[in-house]
């Protein structure tokens, strides 16, 4: 069973940056895609950014120009660099992996709070 472990969340002030990391328990080269989702209180989980095996990226409109998804295949890790954070970015951020095009794996989530 593949496991995903997120880290890097925390409390920051508006305008600051955070980098989230997601380490997989096996090589991410076999994953068809990886991504980051978030869920704020009372809201549905939403896609923030995704990265396919071929290197294509997709960002939510709210993330474009501020967030960057990347990966380190040697470390089985995917990152989410978040700059210019806003209070509305406050949420639990979840790492996601798609395996074989139809198996979904989720991490346990990491809390990001943006507040002055």
C-alpha atoms as a PDB file:
ATOM      1  CA  UNK A   1       0.000   0.000   0.000  1.00  0.00           C
ATOM      2  CA  UNK A   2       1.406   3.366  -1.030  1.00  0.00           C
ATOM      3  CA  UNK A   3       1.604   6.013   1.660  1.00  0.00           C
ATOM      4  CA  UNK A   4       1.935   9.762   1.256  1.00  0.00           C
ATOM      5  CA  UNK A   5       3.240  11.923   4.084  1.00  0.00           C
ATOM      6  CA  UNK A   6       2.891  15.703   3.945  1.00  0.00           C
ATOM      7  CA  UNK A   7       4.888  18.256   5.871  1.00  0.00           C
ATOM      8  CA  UNK A   8       5.638  21.957   5.802  1.00  0.00           C
ATOM      9  CA  UNK A   9       2.375  23.469   6.911  1.00  0.00           C
ATOM     10  CA  UNK A  10       2.134  26.101   9.580  1.00  0.00           C
ATOM     11  CA  UNK A  11       1.026  29.566  10.590  1.00  0.00           C
ATOM     12  CA  UNK A  12       2.256  32.459   8.468  1.00  0.00           C
ATOM     13  CA  UNK A  13       1.330  36.076   7.921  1.00  0.00           C
ATOM     14  CA  UNK A  14      -0.227  37.362   4.705  1.00  0.00           C
ATOM     15  CA  UNK A  15       2.381  37.819   1.999  1.00  0.00           C
ATOM     16  CA  UNK A  16       4.718  35.181   3.370  1.00  0.00           C
ATOM     17  CA  UNK A  17       5.686  31.867   1.797  1.00  0.00           C
ATOM     18  CA  UNK A  18       5.549  28.184   2.644  1.00  0.00           C
ATOM     19  CA  UNK A  19       6.796  25.070   0.918  1.00  0.00           C
ATOM     20  CA  UNK A  20       4.847  21.888   1.373  1.00  0.00           C
ATOM     21  CA  UNK A  21       6.461  18.495   0.835  1.00  0.00           C
ATOM     22  CA  UNK A  22       4.885  15.127   0.162  1.00  0.00           C
ATOM     23  CA  UNK A  23       7.020  12.024   0.434  1.00  0.00           C
ATOM     24  CA  UNK A  24       5.784   8.796  -1.129  1.00  0.00           C
ATOM     25  CA  UNK A  25       6.621   5.355   0.236  1.00  0.00           C
ATOM     26  CA  UNK A  26       7.696   4.197  -3.210  1.00  0.00           C
ATOM     27  CA  UNK A  27       8.939   5.622  -6.469  1.00  0.00           C
ATOM     28  CA  UNK A  28       6.711   8.349  -7.844  1.00  0.00           C
ATOM     29  CA  UNK A  29       7.824   7.522 -11.365  1.00  0.00           C
ATOM     30  CA  UNK A  30       5.052   4.928 -11.496  1.00  0.00           C
ATOM     31  CA  UNK A  31       2.350   7.469 -10.612  1.00  0.00           C
ATOM     32  CA  UNK A  32       0.317   8.821 -13.503  1.00  0.00           C
ATOM     33  CA  UNK A  33      -0.103  12.102 -11.650  1.00  0.00           C
ATOM     34  CA  UNK A  34       0.410  13.802  -8.320  1.00  0.00           C
ATOM     35  CA  UNK A  35      -1.182  16.870  -6.930  1.00  0.00           C
ATOM     36  CA  UNK A  36      -2.189  19.060  -4.042  1.00  0.00           C
ATOM     37  CA  UNK A  37      -5.733  19.658  -2.904  1.00  0.00           C
ATOM     38  CA  UNK A  38      -7.053  21.763  -0.075  1.00  0.00           C
ATOM     39  CA  UNK A  39     -10.139  21.881   2.062  1.00  0.00           C
ATOM     40  CA  UNK A  40     -11.200  24.876   4.080  1.00  0.00           C
ATOM     41  CA  UNK A  41     -13.765  24.585   6.905  1.00  0.00           C
ATOM     42  CA  UNK A  42     -17.246  24.201   5.507  1.00  0.00           C
ATOM     43  CA  UNK A  43     -16.024  23.908   1.940  1.00  0.00           C
ATOM     44  CA  UNK A  44     -15.429  21.092  -0.496  1.00  0.00           C
ATOM     45  CA  UNK A  45     -11.982  19.775  -1.222  1.00  0.00           C
ATOM     46  CA  UNK A  46     -10.563  21.505  -4.272  1.00  0.00           C
ATOM     47  CA  UNK A  47      -7.632  21.008  -6.581  1.00  0.00           C
ATOM     48  CA  UNK A  48      -4.769  23.437  -6.072  1.00  0.00           C
ATOM     49  CA  UNK A  49      -2.154  22.077  -8.464  1.00  0.00           C
ATOM     50  CA  UNK A  50      -1.346  18.874 -10.285  1.00  0.00           C
ATOM     51  CA  UNK A  51       1.617  17.404 -12.111  1.00  0.00           C
ATOM     52  CA  UNK A  52       1.425  14.516 -14.552  1.00  0.00           C
ATOM     53  CA  UNK A  53       4.097  11.926 -15.182  1.00  0.00           C
ATOM     54  CA  UNK A  54       4.941  13.701 -18.426  1.00  0.00           C
ATOM     55  CA  UNK A  55       5.509  16.963 -16.581  1.00  0.00           C
ATOM     56  CA  UNK A  56       2.323  18.806 -17.459  1.00  0.00           C
ATOM     57  CA  UNK A  57       1.003  21.068 -14.734  1.00  0.00           C
ATOM     58  CA  UNK A  58      -2.434  22.395 -13.917  1.00  0.00           C
ATOM     59  CA  UNK A  59      -3.278  25.100 -11.410  1.00  0.00           C
ATOM     60  CA  UNK A  60      -6.434  26.432  -9.866  1.00  0.00           C
ATOM     61  CA  UNK A  61      -7.071  30.024 -10.897  1.00  0.00           C
ATOM     62  CA  UNK A  62      -6.481  31.084  -7.296  1.00  0.00           C
ATOM     63  CA  UNK A  63      -3.019  29.484  -7.370  1.00  0.00           C
ATOM     64  CA  UNK A  64      -1.765  30.700 -10.729  1.00  0.00           C
ATOM     65  CA  UNK A  65       1.204  33.014 -10.464  1.00  0.00           C
ATOM     66  CA  UNK A  66       1.679  32.335  -6.740  1.00  0.00           C
ATOM     67  CA  UNK A  67       2.045  28.573  -6.337  1.00  0.00           C
ATOM     68  CA  UNK A  68       4.419  26.164  -8.058  1.00  0.00           C
ATOM     69  CA  UNK A  69       4.262  22.386  -8.034  1.00  0.00           C
ATOM     70  CA  UNK A  70       7.434  20.403  -8.617  1.00  0.00           C
ATOM     71  CA  UNK A  71       8.942  17.021  -7.862  1.00  0.00           C
ATOM     72  CA  UNK A  72      12.187  15.326  -6.993  1.00  0.00           C
ATOM     73  CA  UNK A  73      12.006  11.831  -8.413  1.00  0.00           C
ATOM     74  CA  UNK A  74      15.136  10.682  -6.619  1.00  0.00           C
ATOM     75  CA  UNK A  75      13.547  11.574  -3.274  1.00  0.00           C
ATOM     76  CA  UNK A  76      10.041  10.367  -4.173  1.00  0.00           C
ATOM     77  CA  UNK A  77       8.825  13.824  -3.223  1.00  0.00           C
ATOM     78  CA  UNK A  78       6.475  16.387  -4.677  1.00  0.00           C
ATOM     79  CA  UNK A  79       6.515  19.986  -3.502  1.00  0.00           C
ATOM     80  CA  UNK A  80       4.139  22.905  -3.456  1.00  0.00           C
ATOM     81  CA  UNK A  81       5.855  26.272  -3.201  1.00  0.00           C
ATOM     82  CA  UNK A  82       3.329  28.848  -2.052  1.00  0.00           C
ATOM     83  CA  UNK A  83       4.203  32.533  -2.264  1.00  0.00           C
ATOM     84  CA  UNK A  84       2.250  35.669  -1.460  1.00  0.00           C
ATOM     85  CA  UNK A  85      -0.074  33.734   0.790  1.00  0.00           C
ATOM     86  CA  UNK A  86      -3.493  35.165   1.564  1.00  0.00           C
ATOM     87  CA  UNK A  87      -5.929  34.492   4.412  1.00  0.00           C
ATOM     88  CA  UNK A  88      -8.193  32.708   1.926  1.00  0.00           C
ATOM     89  CA  UNK A  89      -5.425  30.140   1.382  1.00  0.00           C
ATOM     90  CA  UNK A  90      -6.069  28.877   4.899  1.00  0.00           C
ATOM     91  CA  UNK A  91      -7.006  25.194   4.661  1.00  0.00           C
ATOM     92  CA  UNK A  92      -5.847  21.664   5.196  1.00  0.00           C
ATOM     93  CA  UNK A  93      -3.651  20.736   2.241  1.00  0.00           C
ATOM     94  CA  UNK A  94      -3.687  17.159   1.016  1.00  0.00           C
ATOM     95  CA  UNK A  95      -1.231  15.366  -1.211  1.00  0.00           C
ATOM     96  CA  UNK A  96      -2.777  13.126  -3.857  1.00  0.00           C
ATOM     97  CA  UNK A  97      -1.429  10.477  -6.176  1.00  0.00           C
ATOM     98  CA  UNK A  98      -3.112   8.790  -9.100  1.00  0.00           C
ATOM     99  CA  UNK A  99      -1.848   5.303  -9.820  1.00  0.00           C
ATOM    100  CA  UNK A 100      -2.656   3.456 -12.979  1.00  0.00           C
ATOM    101  CA  UNK A 101      -5.155   6.122 -13.904  1.00  0.00           C
ATOM    102  CA  UNK A 102      -7.805   4.900 -11.482  1.00  0.00           C
ATOM    103  CA  UNK A 103      -6.365   4.404  -7.968  1.00  0.00           C
ATOM    104  CA  UNK A 104      -6.435   7.453  -5.707  1.00  0.00           C
ATOM    105  CA  UNK A 105      -4.062   7.750  -2.761  1.00  0.00           C
ATOM    106  CA  UNK A 106      -4.321  10.569  -0.209  1.00  0.00           C
ATOM    107  CA  UNK A 107      -2.045  11.849   2.480  1.00  0.00           C
ATOM    108  CA  UNK A 108      -3.233  12.748   5.962  1.00  0.00           C
ATOM    109  CA  UNK A 109      -3.131  16.498   5.314  1.00  0.00           C
ATOM    110  CA  UNK A 110      -1.176  19.414   6.678  1.00  0.00           C
ATOM    111  CA  UNK A 111      -2.702  22.600   8.071  1.00  0.00           C
ATOM    112  CA  UNK A 112      -1.856  25.940   6.497  1.00  0.00           C
ATOM    113  CA  UNK A 113      -3.063  29.031   8.329  1.00  0.00           C
ATOM    114  CA  UNK A 114      -2.536  32.520   6.950  1.00  0.00           C
ATOM    115  CA  UNK A 115      -3.340  35.183   9.498  1.00  0.00           C
ATOM    116  CA  UNK A 116      -1.991  38.419  10.845  1.00  0.00           C
END
